[in-house]
Amino acid sequence: MRNTVEGQQKHGQQDHIEILPLFSTTDKNGRMTALQPGRPVGRVAPLLSWLLAAAVLWALASSVPFGALLGLAPTPEISKFLGHPVTVGAAVVLLLAAIGVTGGLYSRADDQFGQIRVAGLYSMLSIAGGISAVAGVLLLWTLINNPSRPFDLEAIVTSPTIPPELGAIVGAGFALWAVIVLLRLPGSIVHAKRRQADIERLRMEGSSFAGR
Protein backbone atom coordinates (compact mmCIF):
# COMPACT_ATOMS: atom_id res chain seq x y z
CA MET A 1 0.00 0.00 0.00
CA ARG A 2 1.08 3.56 -0.49
CA ASN A 3 0.42 6.68 1.46
CA THR A 4 0.31 10.17 -0.08
CA VAL A 5 2.16 12.82 1.90
CA GLU A 6 1.71 16.44 1.01
CA GLY A 7 4.86 18.42 1.58
CA GLN A 8 4.72 21.77 3.33
CA GLN A 9 6.05 24.94 1.73
CA LYS A 10 9.59 25.55 2.95
CA HIS A 11 12.10 28.28 2.05
CA GLY A 12 9.99 29.56 -0.83
CA GLN A 13 9.66 26.17 -2.52
CA GLN A 14 6.40 25.13 -4.14
CA ASP A 15 4.14 22.64 -2.40
CA HIS A 16 4.73 19.14 -3.67
CA ILE A 17 3.37 15.65 -3.20
CA GLU A 18 5.61 12.72 -2.39
CA ILE A 19 4.47 9.14 -2.76
CA LEU A 20 5.99 7.20 0.13
CA PRO A 21 5.61 3.44 0.56
CA LEU A 22 3.87 2.19 3.68
CA PHE A 23 5.17 -1.11 5.01
CA SER A 24 4.32 -3.34 7.95
CA THR A 25 6.38 -6.09 9.53
CA THR A 26 3.32 -7.79 11.02
CA ASP A 27 0.34 -7.22 8.70
CA LYS A 28 -0.30 -8.03 5.06
CA ASN A 29 -3.01 -7.85 2.40
CA GLY A 30 -6.30 -6.48 3.76
CA ARG A 31 -4.89 -5.86 7.24
CA MET A 32 -2.43 -3.26 5.97
CA THR A 33 -3.47 0.08 7.45
CA ALA A 34 -3.00 3.67 6.30
CA LEU A 35 -3.61 7.06 7.89
CA GLN A 36 -3.71 10.11 5.67
CA PRO A 37 -1.58 13.01 6.96
CA GLY A 38 -3.58 15.34 9.15
CA ARG A 39 -6.44 12.85 9.57
CA PRO A 40 -7.44 11.63 13.05
CA VAL A 41 -7.76 7.99 13.98
CA GLY A 42 -10.93 6.51 12.44
CA ARG A 43 -14.33 6.67 14.20
CA VAL A 44 -17.39 4.44 13.91
CA ALA A 45 -20.06 7.15 14.32
CA PRO A 46 -19.75 8.73 10.82
CA LEU A 47 -20.42 5.33 9.23
CA LEU A 48 -23.58 4.39 11.11
CA SER A 49 -25.98 6.36 8.91
CA TRP A 50 -24.43 4.87 5.75
CA LEU A 51 -24.60 1.37 7.25
CA LEU A 52 -28.26 1.79 8.18
CA ALA A 53 -29.20 3.28 4.80
CA ALA A 54 -27.49 0.46 2.92
CA ALA A 55 -29.12 -2.21 5.09
CA VAL A 56 -32.59 -0.68 4.62
CA LEU A 57 -32.13 -0.55 0.84
CA TRP A 58 -30.97 -4.18 0.73
CA ALA A 59 -33.98 -5.17 2.85
CA LEU A 60 -36.45 -3.37 0.57
CA ALA A 61 -34.86 -4.74 -2.60
CA SER A 62 -34.77 -8.33 -1.32
CA SER A 63 -38.36 -8.29 -0.09
CA VAL A 64 -39.57 -9.02 -3.64
CA PRO A 65 -37.58 -12.24 -4.26
CA PHE A 66 -38.22 -13.48 -0.72
CA GLY A 67 -41.95 -12.76 -0.87
CA ALA A 68 -42.78 -13.61 -4.47
CA LEU A 69 -40.22 -16.33 -5.28
CA LEU A 70 -39.28 -17.96 -1.97
CA GLY A 71 -42.79 -18.21 -0.56
CA LEU A 72 -42.47 -15.83 2.37
CA ALA A 73 -45.43 -13.64 1.44
CA PRO A 74 -47.93 -13.73 4.34
CA THR A 75 -51.00 -13.67 2.05
CA PRO A 76 -51.67 -14.47 -1.63
CA GLU A 77 -52.56 -10.82 -2.22
CA ILE A 78 -49.16 -9.66 -0.98
CA SER A 79 -47.45 -12.36 -3.04
CA LYS A 80 -49.26 -11.14 -6.14
CA PHE A 81 -48.33 -7.54 -5.35
CA LEU A 82 -44.66 -8.43 -4.87
CA GLY A 83 -44.65 -10.30 -8.17
CA HIS A 84 -46.19 -7.44 -10.15
CA PRO A 85 -43.91 -6.04 -12.90
CA VAL A 86 -44.06 -2.54 -11.41
CA THR A 87 -42.98 -3.87 -8.01
CA VAL A 88 -40.20 -5.91 -9.59
CA GLY A 89 -39.02 -2.82 -11.48
CA ALA A 90 -39.00 -0.80 -8.27
CA ALA A 91 -37.00 -3.59 -6.60
CA VAL A 92 -34.40 -3.40 -9.38
CA VAL A 93 -34.08 0.36 -8.85
CA LEU A 94 -33.73 -0.19 -5.11
CA LEU A 95 -31.09 -2.86 -5.77
CA LEU A 96 -29.03 -0.44 -7.84
CA ALA A 97 -29.39 2.18 -5.10
CA ALA A 98 -28.34 -0.39 -2.49
CA ILE A 99 -25.23 -1.25 -4.51
CA GLY A 100 -24.36 2.44 -4.84
CA VAL A 101 -24.84 3.21 -1.13
CA THR A 102 -22.88 0.08 -0.18
CA GLY A 103 -20.04 1.28 -2.41
CA GLY A 104 -20.16 4.64 -0.63
CA LEU A 105 -20.09 2.86 2.72
CA TYR A 106 -17.04 0.86 1.63
CA SER A 107 -15.24 4.00 0.46
CA ARG A 108 -15.97 5.92 3.66
CA ALA A 109 -15.01 3.00 5.89
CA ASP A 110 -11.72 2.68 4.02
CA ASP A 111 -11.19 6.43 4.38
CA GLN A 112 -11.95 6.33 8.12
CA PHE A 113 -9.89 3.29 9.09
CA GLY A 114 -7.44 3.02 6.20
CA GLN A 115 -7.99 -0.72 5.95
CA ILE A 116 -9.87 -2.60 3.22
CA ARG A 117 -10.61 -5.47 5.61
CA VAL A 118 -12.76 -3.22 7.82
CA ALA A 119 -14.36 -1.62 4.78
CA GLY A 120 -15.28 -5.03 3.40
CA LEU A 121 -16.80 -6.15 6.69
CA TYR A 122 -18.96 -3.02 6.84
CA SER A 123 -20.22 -3.68 3.32
CA MET A 124 -20.95 -7.35 4.03
CA LEU A 125 -22.78 -6.45 7.24
CA SER A 126 -25.09 -4.06 5.39
CA ILE A 127 -25.93 -6.73 2.78
CA ALA A 128 -26.35 -9.72 5.07
CA GLY A 129 -28.05 -7.72 7.81
CA GLY A 130 -30.61 -6.12 5.52
CA ILE A 131 -31.49 -9.34 3.69
CA SER A 132 -31.74 -11.46 6.84
CA ALA A 133 -33.87 -8.80 8.56
CA VAL A 134 -36.49 -8.71 5.82
CA ALA A 135 -36.49 -12.52 5.61
CA GLY A 136 -37.14 -12.73 9.35
CA VAL A 137 -39.95 -10.16 9.21
CA LEU A 138 -41.67 -11.89 6.29
CA LEU A 139 -41.32 -15.33 7.91
CA LEU A 140 -42.77 -14.11 11.21
CA TRP A 141 -45.60 -12.33 9.38
CA THR A 142 -46.36 -15.49 7.39
CA LEU A 143 -46.48 -17.67 10.50
CA ILE A 144 -48.72 -15.18 12.31
CA ASN A 145 -51.19 -15.12 9.40
CA ASN A 146 -51.24 -18.91 9.16
CA PRO A 147 -50.47 -20.29 12.63
CA SER A 148 -52.08 -23.67 11.90
CA ARG A 149 -49.65 -24.51 9.13
CA PRO A 150 -46.88 -26.84 10.35
CA PHE A 151 -43.31 -25.77 9.71
CA ASP A 152 -41.91 -28.87 8.06
CA LEU A 153 -38.51 -28.86 6.35
CA GLU A 154 -39.53 -31.91 4.32
CA ALA A 155 -41.88 -29.58 2.44
CA ILE A 156 -38.84 -28.24 0.58
CA VAL A 157 -38.66 -31.59 -1.26
CA THR A 158 -42.26 -32.72 -1.29
CA SER A 159 -44.21 -29.51 -1.90
CA PRO A 160 -45.33 -28.92 -5.53
CA THR A 161 -44.81 -25.19 -5.02
CA ILE A 162 -42.04 -23.20 -3.37
CA PRO A 163 -42.71 -23.48 0.39
CA PRO A 164 -41.88 -20.87 3.06
CA GLU A 165 -39.37 -23.34 4.51
CA LEU A 166 -37.04 -22.68 1.58
CA GLY A 167 -37.18 -18.93 2.16
CA ALA A 168 -36.54 -19.53 5.85
CA ILE A 169 -33.43 -21.60 5.08
CA VAL A 170 -32.07 -18.94 2.71
CA GLY A 171 -32.81 -16.20 5.26
CA ALA A 172 -31.10 -18.23 7.99
CA GLY A 173 -28.02 -18.46 5.79
CA PHE A 174 -27.86 -14.69 5.45
CA ALA A 175 -28.50 -14.31 9.20
CA LEU A 176 -25.58 -16.61 9.98
CA TRP A 177 -23.39 -14.61 7.61
CA ALA A 178 -24.44 -11.37 9.35
CA VAL A 179 -23.65 -12.80 12.79
CA ILE A 180 -20.19 -13.95 11.69
CA VAL A 181 -19.40 -10.53 10.19
CA LEU A 182 -20.76 -8.75 13.27
CA LEU A 183 -18.52 -10.84 15.52
CA ARG A 184 -15.44 -10.11 13.39
CA LEU A 185 -16.03 -6.38 12.93
CA PRO A 186 -15.23 -5.05 16.46
CA GLY A 187 -11.85 -6.79 16.61
CA SER A 188 -10.99 -5.55 13.12
CA ILE A 189 -11.90 -1.98 14.07
CA VAL A 190 -9.76 -2.18 17.20
CA HIS A 191 -6.84 -3.51 15.14
CA ALA A 192 -7.16 -0.74 12.53
CA LYS A 193 -7.42 2.01 15.15
CA ARG A 194 -4.40 0.63 16.99
CA ARG A 195 -2.35 0.67 13.79
CA GLN A 196 -3.49 4.20 12.95
CA ALA A 197 -2.53 5.35 16.44
CA ASP A 198 0.92 3.80 15.91
CA ILE A 199 1.28 5.64 12.60
CA GLU A 200 0.20 8.91 14.22
CA ARG A 201 2.67 8.41 17.08
CA LEU A 202 5.54 7.57 14.73
CA ARG A 203 4.88 10.71 12.68
CA MET A 204 5.12 12.77 15.86
CA GLU A 205 7.98 11.03 17.61
CA GLY A 206 9.73 8.82 15.05
CA SER A 207 12.73 9.54 12.88
CA SER A 208 12.79 9.37 9.08
CA PHE A 209 15.61 7.59 7.24
CA ALA A 210 16.28 7.13 3.56
CA GLY A 211 15.77 3.51 2.53
CA ARG A 212 16.92 1.31 -0.30
C-alpha atoms as a PDB file:
ATOM      1  CA  MET A   1       0.000   0.000   0.000  1.00  0.00           C
ATOM      2  CA  ARG A   2       1.077   3.560  -0.493  1.00  0.00           C
ATOM      3  CA  ASN A   3       0.420   6.681   1.456  1.00  0.00           C
ATOM      4  CA  THR A   4       0.308  10.170  -0.079  1.00  0.00           C
ATOM      5  CA  VAL A   5       2.163  12.816   1.898  1.00  0.00           C
ATOM      6  CA  GLU A   6       1.711  16.445   1.014  1.00  0.00           C
ATOM      7  CA  GLY A   7       4.859  18.418   1.583  1.00  0.00           C
ATOM      8  CA  GLN A   8       4.724  21.766   3.330  1.00  0.00           C
ATOM      9  CA  GLN A   9       6.046  24.938   1.730  1.00  0.00           C
ATOM     10  CA  LYS A  10       9.590  25.553   2.953  1.00  0.00           C
ATOM     11  CA  HIS A  11      12.096  28.276   2.049  1.00  0.00           C
ATOM     12  CA  GLY A  12       9.988  29.564  -0.834  1.00  0.00           C
ATOM     13  CA  GLN A  13       9.660  26.170  -2.525  1.00  0.00           C
ATOM     14  CA  GLN A  14       6.395  25.130  -4.140  1.00  0.00           C
ATOM     15  CA  ASP A  15       4.144  22.639  -2.395  1.00  0.00           C
ATOM     16  CA  HIS A  16       4.735  19.143  -3.672  1.00  0.00           C
ATOM     17  CA  ILE A  17       3.368  15.650  -3.197  1.00  0.00           C
ATOM     18  CA  GLU A  18       5.611  12.719  -2.395  1.00  0.00           C
ATOM     19  CA  ILE A  19       4.474   9.138  -2.756  1.00  0.00           C
ATOM     20  CA  LEU A  20       5.987   7.201   0.128  1.00  0.00           C
ATOM     21  CA  PRO A  21       5.609   3.442   0.563  1.00  0.00           C
ATOM     22  CA  LEU A  22       3.871   2.187   3.680  1.00  0.00           C
ATOM     23  CA  PHE A  23       5.174  -1.113   5.010  1.00  0.00           C
ATOM     24  CA  SER A  24       4.323  -3.339   7.954  1.00  0.00           C
ATOM     25  CA  THR A  25       6.385  -6.088   9.531  1.00  0.00           C
ATOM     26  CA  THR A  26       3.322  -7.792  11.024  1.00  0.00           C
ATOM     27  CA  ASP A  27       0.342  -7.221   8.703  1.00  0.00           C
ATOM     28  CA  LYS A  28      -0.297  -8.033   5.059  1.00  0.00           C
ATOM     29  CA  ASN A  29      -3.007  -7.853   2.403  1.00  0.00           C
ATOM     30  CA  GLY A  30      -6.298  -6.480   3.760  1.00  0.00           C
ATOM     31  CA  ARG A  31      -4.886  -5.862   7.235  1.00  0.00           C
ATOM     32  CA  MET A  32      -2.425  -3.265   5.968  1.00  0.00           C
ATOM     33  CA  THR A  33      -3.470   0.079   7.448  1.00  0.00           C
ATOM     34  CA  ALA A  34      -2.995   3.665   6.302  1.00  0.00           C
ATOM     35  CA  LEU A  35      -3.608   7.059   7.891  1.00  0.00           C
ATOM     36  CA  GLN A  36      -3.706  10.109   5.674  1.00  0.00           C
ATOM     37  CA  PRO A  37      -1.579  13.007   6.958  1.00  0.00           C
ATOM     38  CA  GLY A  38      -3.578  15.344   9.153  1.00  0.00           C
ATOM     39  CA  ARG A  39      -6.436  12.854   9.575  1.00  0.00           C
ATOM     40  CA  PRO A  40      -7.441  11.634  13.051  1.00  0.00           C
ATOM     41  CA  VAL A  41      -7.764   7.989  13.983  1.00  0.00           C
ATOM     42  CA  GLY A  42     -10.935   6.509  12.445  1.00  0.00           C
ATOM     43  CA  ARG A  43     -14.328   6.666  14.202  1.00  0.00           C
ATOM     44  CA  VAL A  44     -17.393   4.442  13.913  1.00  0.00           C
ATOM     45  CA  ALA A  45     -20.064   7.146  14.322  1.00  0.00           C
ATOM     46  CA  PRO A  46     -19.746   8.730  10.819  1.00  0.00           C
ATOM     47  CA  LEU A  47     -20.416   5.334   9.226  1.00  0.00           C
ATOM     48  CA  LEU A  48     -23.581   4.390  11.109  1.00  0.00           C
ATOM     49  CA  SER A  49     -25.982   6.363   8.913  1.00  0.00           C
ATOM     50  CA  TRP A  50     -24.431   4.868   5.752  1.00  0.00           C
ATOM     51  CA  LEU A  51     -24.599   1.370   7.246  1.00  0.00           C
ATOM     52  CA  LEU A  52     -28.262   1.792   8.180  1.00  0.00           C
ATOM     53  CA  ALA A  53     -29.199   3.285   4.803  1.00  0.00           C
ATOM     54  CA  ALA A  54     -27.485   0.465   2.916  1.00  0.00           C
ATOM     55  CA  ALA A  55     -29.124  -2.209   5.089  1.00  0.00           C
ATOM     56  CA  VAL A  56     -32.592  -0.684   4.617  1.00  0.00           C
ATOM     57  CA  LEU A  57     -32.134  -0.550   0.845  1.00  0.00           C
ATOM     58  CA  TRP A  58     -30.975  -4.175   0.727  1.00  0.00           C
ATOM     59  CA  ALA A  59     -33.976  -5.168   2.846  1.00  0.00           C
ATOM     60  CA  LEU A  60     -36.448  -3.371   0.571  1.00  0.00           C
ATOM     61  CA  ALA A  61     -34.862  -4.735  -2.602  1.00  0.00           C
ATOM     62  CA  SER A  62     -34.768  -8.328  -1.321  1.00  0.00           C
ATOM     63  CA  SER A  63     -38.364  -8.288  -0.090  1.00  0.00           C
ATOM     64  CA  VAL A  64     -39.571  -9.018  -3.644  1.00  0.00           C
ATOM     65  CA  PRO A  65     -37.585 -12.239  -4.257  1.00  0.00           C
ATOM     66  CA  PHE A  66     -38.215 -13.478  -0.720  1.00  0.00           C
ATOM     67  CA  GLY A  67     -41.946 -12.763  -0.873  1.00  0.00           C
ATOM     68  CA  ALA A  68     -42.777 -13.610  -4.474  1.00  0.00           C
ATOM     69  CA  LEU A  69     -40.216 -16.326  -5.280  1.00  0.00           C
ATOM     70  CA  LEU A  70     -39.278 -17.964  -1.974  1.00  0.00           C
ATOM     71  CA  GLY A  71     -42.791 -18.209  -0.563  1.00  0.00           C
ATOM     72  CA  LEU A  72     -42.474 -15.828   2.375  1.00  0.00           C
ATOM     73  CA  ALA A  73     -45.428 -13.636   1.437  1.00  0.00           C
ATOM     74  CA  PRO A  74     -47.931 -13.733   4.344  1.00  0.00           C
ATOM     75  CA  THR A  75     -51.002 -13.668   2.045  1.00  0.00           C
ATOM     76  CA  PRO A  76     -51.674 -14.467  -1.633  1.00  0.00           C
ATOM     77  CA  GLU A  77     -52.562 -10.822  -2.222  1.00  0.00           C
ATOM     78  CA  ILE A  78     -49.160  -9.656  -0.980  1.00  0.00           C
ATOM     79  CA  SER A  79     -47.452 -12.363  -3.041  1.00  0.00           C
ATOM     80  CA  LYS A  80     -49.263 -11.143  -6.139  1.00  0.00           C
ATOM     81  CA  PHE A  81     -48.335  -7.537  -5.346  1.00  0.00           C
ATOM     82  CA  LEU A  82     -44.663  -8.428  -4.869  1.00  0.00           C
ATOM     83  CA  GLY A  83     -44.652 -10.295  -8.173  1.00  0.00           C
ATOM     84  CA  HIS A  84     -46.193  -7.436 -10.152  1.00  0.00           C
ATOM     85  CA  PRO A  85     -43.905  -6.038 -12.900  1.00  0.00           C
ATOM     86  CA  VAL A  86     -44.058  -2.543 -11.407  1.00  0.00           C
ATOM     87  CA  THR A  87     -42.982  -3.867  -8.006  1.00  0.00           C
ATOM     88  CA  VAL A  88     -40.202  -5.906  -9.587  1.00  0.00           C
ATOM     89  CA  GLY A  89     -39.017  -2.822 -11.480  1.00  0.00           C
ATOM     90  CA  ALA A  90     -39.002  -0.800  -8.267  1.00  0.00           C
ATOM     91  CA  ALA A  91     -37.002  -3.587  -6.598  1.00  0.00           C
ATOM     92  CA  VAL A  92     -34.402  -3.403  -9.377  1.00  0.00           C
ATOM     93  CA  VAL A  93     -34.081   0.363  -8.852  1.00  0.00           C
ATOM     94  CA  LEU A  94     -33.727  -0.192  -5.108  1.00  0.00           C
ATOM     95  CA  LEU A  95     -31.087  -2.860  -5.766  1.00  0.00           C
ATOM     96  CA  LEU A  96     -29.031  -0.440  -7.844  1.00  0.00           C
ATOM     97  CA  ALA A  97     -29.391   2.183  -5.104  1.00  0.00           C
ATOM     98  CA  ALA A  98     -28.339  -0.386  -2.492  1.00  0.00           C
ATOM     99  CA  ILE A  99     -25.227  -1.252  -4.508  1.00  0.00           C
ATOM    100  CA  GLY A 100     -24.360   2.443  -4.836  1.00  0.00           C
ATOM    101  CA  VAL A 101     -24.836   3.210  -1.133  1.00  0.00           C
ATOM    102  CA  THR A 102     -22.879   0.080  -0.181  1.00  0.00           C
ATOM    103  CA  GLY A 103     -20.045   1.282  -2.405  1.00  0.00           C
ATOM    104  CA  GLY A 104     -20.165   4.636  -0.635  1.00  0.00           C
ATOM    105  CA  LEU A 105     -20.092   2.858   2.725  1.00  0.00           C
ATOM    106  CA  TYR A 106     -17.036   0.862   1.634  1.00  0.00           C
ATOM    107  CA  SER A 107     -15.240   4.004   0.462  1.00  0.00           C
ATOM    108  CA  ARG A 108     -15.969   5.920   3.661  1.00  0.00           C
ATOM    109  CA  ALA A 109     -15.010   2.999   5.892  1.00  0.00           C
ATOM    110  CA  ASP A 110     -11.720   2.683   4.019  1.00  0.00           C
ATOM    111  CA  ASP A 111     -11.187   6.427   4.378  1.00  0.00           C
ATOM    112  CA  GLN A 112     -11.953   6.326   8.121  1.00  0.00           C
ATOM    113  CA  PHE A 113      -9.890   3.286   9.092  1.00  0.00           C
ATOM    114  CA  GLY A 114      -7.442   3.018   6.198  1.00  0.00           C
ATOM    115  CA  GLN A 115      -7.995  -0.721   5.948  1.00  0.00           C
ATOM    116  CA  ILE A 116      -9.866  -2.595   3.222  1.00  0.00           C
ATOM    117  CA  ARG A 117     -10.612  -5.467   5.612  1.00  0.00           C
ATOM    118  CA  VAL A 118     -12.762  -3.220   7.823  1.00  0.00           C
ATOM    119  CA  ALA A 119     -14.361  -1.617   4.777  1.00  0.00           C
ATOM    120  CA  GLY A 120     -15.277  -5.033   3.396  1.00  0.00           C
ATOM    121  CA  LEU A 121     -16.798  -6.146   6.691  1.00  0.00           C
ATOM    122  CA  TYR A 122     -18.962  -3.021   6.842  1.00  0.00           C
ATOM    123  CA  SER A 123     -20.219  -3.684   3.318  1.00  0.00           C
ATOM    124  CA  MET A 124     -20.952  -7.350   4.029  1.00  0.00           C
ATOM    125  CA  LEU A 125     -22.784  -6.452   7.236  1.00  0.00           C
ATOM    126  CA  SER A 126     -25.090  -4.062   5.390  1.00  0.00           C
ATOM    127  CA  ILE A 127     -25.928  -6.726   2.777  1.00  0.00           C
ATOM    128  CA  ALA A 128     -26.348  -9.725   5.071  1.00  0.00           C
ATOM    129  CA  GLY A 129     -28.049  -7.715   7.814  1.00  0.00           C
ATOM    130  CA  GLY A 130     -30.613  -6.120   5.518  1.00  0.00           C
ATOM    131  CA  ILE A 131     -31.495  -9.338   3.685  1.00  0.00           C
ATOM    132  CA  SER A 132     -31.738 -11.460   6.841  1.00  0.00           C
ATOM    133  CA  ALA A 133     -33.869  -8.801   8.561  1.00  0.00           C
ATOM    134  CA  VAL A 134     -36.493  -8.709   5.822  1.00  0.00           C
ATOM    135  CA  ALA A 135     -36.493 -12.519   5.605  1.00  0.00           C
ATOM    136  CA  GLY A 136     -37.137 -12.729   9.351  1.00  0.00           C
ATOM    137  CA  VAL A 137     -39.946 -10.160   9.213  1.00  0.00           C
ATOM    138  CA  LEU A 138     -41.671 -11.889   6.292  1.00  0.00           C
ATOM    139  CA  LEU A 139     -41.324 -15.326   7.911  1.00  0.00           C
ATOM    140  CA  LEU A 140     -42.775 -14.108  11.206  1.00  0.00           C
ATOM    141  CA  TRP A 141     -45.597 -12.331   9.378  1.00  0.00           C
ATOM    142  CA  THR A 142     -46.362 -15.494   7.386  1.00  0.00           C
ATOM    143  CA  LEU A 143     -46.478 -17.671  10.501  1.00  0.00           C
ATOM    144  CA  ILE A 144     -48.720 -15.180  12.310  1.00  0.00           C
ATOM    145  CA  ASN A 145     -51.189 -15.117   9.399  1.00  0.00           C
ATOM    146  CA  ASN A 146     -51.243 -18.908   9.160  1.00  0.00           C
ATOM    147  CA  PRO A 147     -50.471 -20.293  12.632  1.00  0.00           C
ATOM    148  CA  SER A 148     -52.082 -23.666  11.905  1.00  0.00           C
ATOM    149  CA  ARG A 149     -49.652 -24.505   9.126  1.00  0.00           C
ATOM    150  CA  PRO A 150     -46.878 -26.837  10.352  1.00  0.00           C
ATOM    151  CA  PHE A 151     -43.310 -25.769   9.712  1.00  0.00           C
ATOM    152  CA  ASP A 152     -41.906 -28.868   8.056  1.00  0.00           C
ATOM    153  CA  LEU A 153     -38.505 -28.862   6.352  1.00  0.00           C
ATOM    154  CA  GLU A 154     -39.526 -31.908   4.320  1.00  0.00           C
ATOM    155  CA  ALA A 155     -41.883 -29.584   2.438  1.00  0.00           C
ATOM    156  CA  ILE A 156     -38.839 -28.241   0.577  1.00  0.00           C
ATOM    157  CA  VAL A 157     -38.655 -31.587  -1.263  1.00  0.00           C
ATOM    158  CA  THR A 158     -42.256 -32.724  -1.293  1.00  0.00           C
ATOM    159  CA  SER A 159     -44.209 -29.510  -1.904  1.00  0.00           C
ATOM    160  CA  PRO A 160     -45.330 -28.921  -5.534  1.00  0.00           C
ATOM    161  CA  THR A 161     -44.815 -25.192  -5.019  1.00  0.00           C
ATOM    162  CA  ILE A 162     -42.037 -23.199  -3.368  1.00  0.00           C
ATOM    163  CA  PRO A 163     -42.709 -23.475   0.395  1.00  0.00           C
ATOM    164  CA  PRO A 164     -41.883 -20.873   3.058  1.00  0.00           C
ATOM    165  CA  GLU A 165     -39.374 -23.341   4.515  1.00  0.00           C
ATOM    166  CA  LEU A 166     -37.039 -22.685   1.575  1.00  0.00           C
ATOM    167  CA  GLY A 167     -37.177 -18.933   2.165  1.00  0.00           C
ATOM    168  CA  ALA A 168     -36.542 -19.526   5.855  1.00  0.00           C
ATOM    169  CA  ILE A 169     -33.428 -21.597   5.076  1.00  0.00           C
ATOM    170  CA  VAL A 170     -32.071 -18.936   2.713  1.00  0.00           C
ATOM    171  CA  GLY A 171     -32.808 -16.203   5.259  1.00  0.00           C
ATOM    172  CA  ALA A 172     -31.104 -18.232   7.990  1.00  0.00           C
ATOM    173  CA  GLY A 173     -28.024 -18.463   5.794  1.00  0.00           C
ATOM    174  CA  PHE A 174     -27.863 -14.690   5.451  1.00  0.00           C
ATOM    175  CA  ALA A 175     -28.503 -14.307   9.200  1.00  0.00           C
ATOM    176  CA  LEU A 176     -25.584 -16.615   9.976  1.00  0.00           C
ATOM    177  CA  TRP A 177     -23.392 -14.606   7.610  1.00  0.00           C
ATOM    178  CA  ALA A 178     -24.442 -11.373   9.349  1.00  0.00           C
ATOM    179  CA  VAL A 179     -23.653 -12.796  12.793  1.00  0.00           C
ATOM    180  CA  ILE A 180     -20.186 -13.951  11.686  1.00  0.00           C
ATOM    181  CA  VAL A 181     -19.403 -10.535  10.194  1.00  0.00           C
ATOM    182  CA  LEU A 182     -20.757  -8.748  13.265  1.00  0.00           C
ATOM    183  CA  LEU A 183     -18.516 -10.839  15.520  1.00  0.00           C
ATOM    184  CA  ARG A 184     -15.443 -10.108  13.393  1.00  0.00           C
ATOM    185  CA  LEU A 185     -16.032  -6.379  12.929  1.00  0.00           C
ATOM    186  CA  PRO A 186     -15.228  -5.048  16.463  1.00  0.00           C
ATOM    187  CA  GLY A 187     -11.848  -6.786  16.610  1.00  0.00           C
ATOM    188  CA  SER A 188     -10.994  -5.554  13.123  1.00  0.00           C
ATOM    189  CA  ILE A 189     -11.903  -1.983  14.066  1.00  0.00           C
ATOM    190  CA  VAL A 190      -9.755  -2.179  17.202  1.00  0.00           C
ATOM    191  CA  HIS A 191      -6.842  -3.509  15.139  1.00  0.00           C
ATOM    192  CA  ALA A 192      -7.156  -0.737  12.534  1.00  0.00           C
ATOM    193  CA  LYS A 193      -7.420   2.014  15.155  1.00  0.00           C
ATOM    194  CA  ARG A 194      -4.397   0.633  16.986  1.00  0.00           C
ATOM    195  CA  ARG A 195      -2.349   0.666  13.789  1.00  0.00           C
ATOM    196  CA  GLN A 196      -3.493   4.198  12.948  1.00  0.00           C
ATOM    197  CA  ALA A 197      -2.528   5.350  16.442  1.00  0.00           C
ATOM    198  CA  ASP A 198       0.915   3.803  15.914  1.00  0.00           C
ATOM    199  CA  ILE A 199       1.282   5.642  12.598  1.00  0.00           C
ATOM    200  CA  GLU A 200       0.198   8.908  14.223  1.00  0.00           C
ATOM    201  CA  ARG A 201       2.674   8.407  17.082  1.00  0.00           C
ATOM    202  CA  LEU A 202       5.539   7.575  14.728  1.00  0.00           C
ATOM    203  CA  ARG A 203       4.879  10.706  12.683  1.00  0.00           C
ATOM    204  CA  MET A 204       5.118  12.771  15.855  1.00  0.00           C
ATOM    205  CA  GLU A 205       7.981  11.025  17.606  1.00  0.00           C
ATOM    206  CA  GLY A 206       9.731   8.821  15.048  1.00  0.00           C
ATOM    207  CA  SER A 207      12.726   9.542  12.877  1.00  0.00           C
ATOM    208  CA  SER A 208      12.788   9.371   9.077  1.00  0.00           C
ATOM    209  CA  PHE A 209      15.610   7.592   7.242  1.00  0.00           C
ATOM    210  CA  ALA A 210      16.285   7.132   3.564  1.00  0.00           C
ATOM    211  CA  GLY A 211      15.773   3.508   2.535  1.00  0.00           C
ATOM    212  CA  ARG A 212      16.920   1.307  -0.298  1.00  0.00           C
END
